[in-house]
């Protein structure tokens, strides 16, 4: 069974991959107009892994779950907001991923 740190690392990796793809599309380094589903699929993977990391951290009584849980708010808002606020809302989750990754203490 993976540790809470491994679960959080997997969630953070999927989140960062989605941020990287979104940034590359927004800056026109990549054109996904024929493959828009890629960004949406990464969003689903990142969100699912985030929920799994939170649940796994709670089961292991790790503080990482509490630190990562607020990231669910901007993730939940993303499909409901306009294009102009999309990037800022998505990036609002970043500090929570960082905090959950950086928390010290005993291994969970």
Protein backbone atom coordinates (compact mmCIF):
# COMPACT_ATOMS: atom_id res chain seq x y z
CA UNK A 1 0.00 0.00 0.00
CA UNK A 2 1.47 3.38 -1.01
CA UNK A 3 2.40 5.92 1.64
CA UNK A 4 0.47 9.17 1.90
CA UNK A 5 3.53 10.97 0.53
CA UNK A 6 3.49 8.73 -2.56
CA UNK A 7 -0.24 9.33 -3.05
CA UNK A 8 0.22 13.09 -2.74
CA UNK A 9 3.20 12.97 -5.10
CA UNK A 10 1.10 11.15 -7.71
CA UNK A 11 -1.72 13.69 -7.37
CA UNK A 12 0.71 16.61 -7.54
CA UNK A 13 2.39 15.14 -10.62
CA UNK A 14 -0.92 14.83 -12.45
CA UNK A 15 -1.84 18.37 -11.40
CA UNK A 16 1.51 19.73 -12.62
CA UNK A 17 1.17 17.86 -15.92
CA UNK A 18 -2.21 19.47 -16.44
CA UNK A 19 -0.90 22.92 -15.52
CA UNK A 20 1.99 22.44 -17.94
CA UNK A 21 -0.33 21.40 -20.75
CA UNK A 22 -2.74 24.26 -20.05
CA UNK A 23 0.12 26.76 -19.97
CA UNK A 24 1.57 25.40 -23.21
CA UNK A 25 -1.82 25.70 -24.91
CA UNK A 26 -2.45 29.19 -23.51
CA UNK A 27 0.97 30.43 -24.69
CA UNK A 28 0.45 28.71 -28.06
CA UNK A 29 3.44 26.43 -27.69
CA UNK A 30 1.09 23.48 -28.21
CA UNK A 31 -2.10 23.25 -30.25
CA UNK A 32 -4.62 20.82 -28.81
CA UNK A 33 -7.61 22.12 -30.76
CA UNK A 34 -8.09 18.68 -32.29
CA UNK A 35 -7.41 16.95 -28.96
CA UNK A 36 -9.10 19.09 -26.30
CA UNK A 37 -9.98 15.94 -24.42
CA UNK A 38 -6.32 15.64 -23.30
CA UNK A 39 -6.60 18.60 -20.92
CA UNK A 40 -9.96 17.35 -19.66
CA UNK A 41 -8.64 13.83 -19.15
CA UNK A 42 -5.65 15.14 -17.17
CA UNK A 43 -8.06 17.20 -15.06
CA UNK A 44 -10.07 14.07 -14.25
CA UNK A 45 -6.91 12.12 -13.42
CA UNK A 46 -5.54 14.92 -11.22
CA UNK A 47 -8.86 15.35 -9.41
CA UNK A 48 -9.29 11.61 -8.86
CA UNK A 49 -5.74 11.19 -7.60
CA UNK A 50 -6.20 14.19 -5.31
CA UNK A 51 -9.29 12.65 -3.72
CA UNK A 52 -7.43 9.33 -3.39
CA UNK A 53 -4.44 11.08 -1.79
CA UNK A 54 -6.67 12.88 0.70
CA UNK A 55 -8.56 9.69 1.59
CA UNK A 56 -5.35 7.69 1.84
CA UNK A 57 -3.79 10.33 4.07
CA UNK A 58 -6.82 10.33 6.36
CA UNK A 59 -6.69 6.53 6.62
CA UNK A 60 -3.01 6.75 7.57
CA UNK A 61 -3.70 9.66 9.94
CA UNK A 62 -1.30 11.84 8.02
CA UNK A 63 -1.61 15.62 8.12
CA UNK A 64 -1.11 15.62 4.35
CA UNK A 65 -4.83 14.98 3.85
CA UNK A 66 -5.80 18.12 5.74
CA UNK A 67 -3.19 20.14 3.87
CA UNK A 68 -4.33 18.91 0.46
CA UNK A 69 -8.10 19.03 1.04
CA UNK A 70 -8.48 22.77 0.27
CA UNK A 71 -7.16 22.09 -3.25
CA UNK A 72 -10.52 20.49 -3.98
CA UNK A 73 -12.23 23.91 -3.92
CA UNK A 74 -10.47 25.41 -6.95
CA UNK A 75 -10.54 22.02 -8.70
CA UNK A 76 -14.31 21.86 -8.22
CA UNK A 77 -14.74 25.42 -9.49
CA UNK A 78 -12.74 24.95 -12.70
CA UNK A 79 -15.52 23.44 -14.86
CA UNK A 80 -17.94 26.15 -13.71
CA UNK A 81 -15.98 29.34 -14.33
CA UNK A 82 -15.30 31.37 -17.42
CA UNK A 83 -12.20 31.23 -19.56
CA UNK A 84 -10.73 34.45 -18.14
CA UNK A 85 -10.51 33.14 -14.57
CA UNK A 86 -9.59 29.57 -15.49
CA UNK A 87 -5.81 29.81 -15.08
CA UNK A 88 -5.93 31.79 -11.84
CA UNK A 89 -8.46 29.40 -10.33
CA UNK A 90 -6.44 26.38 -11.38
CA UNK A 91 -3.26 27.81 -9.91
CA UNK A 92 -5.02 28.49 -6.61
CA UNK A 93 -4.63 24.78 -5.86
CA UNK A 94 -0.83 24.88 -6.17
CA UNK A 95 0.01 25.98 -2.61
CA UNK A 96 -2.04 23.11 -1.17
CA UNK A 97 -0.17 20.53 -3.25
CA UNK A 98 3.15 22.10 -2.22
CA UNK A 99 2.19 22.14 1.44
CA UNK A 100 1.10 18.51 1.37
CA UNK A 101 4.35 17.51 -0.33
CA UNK A 102 6.57 19.50 1.99
CA UNK A 103 5.05 18.52 5.32
CA UNK A 104 7.56 16.75 7.49
CA UNK A 105 7.20 14.36 10.33
CA UNK A 106 7.06 10.61 10.57
CA UNK A 107 6.44 8.53 7.48
CA UNK A 108 2.79 8.00 6.69
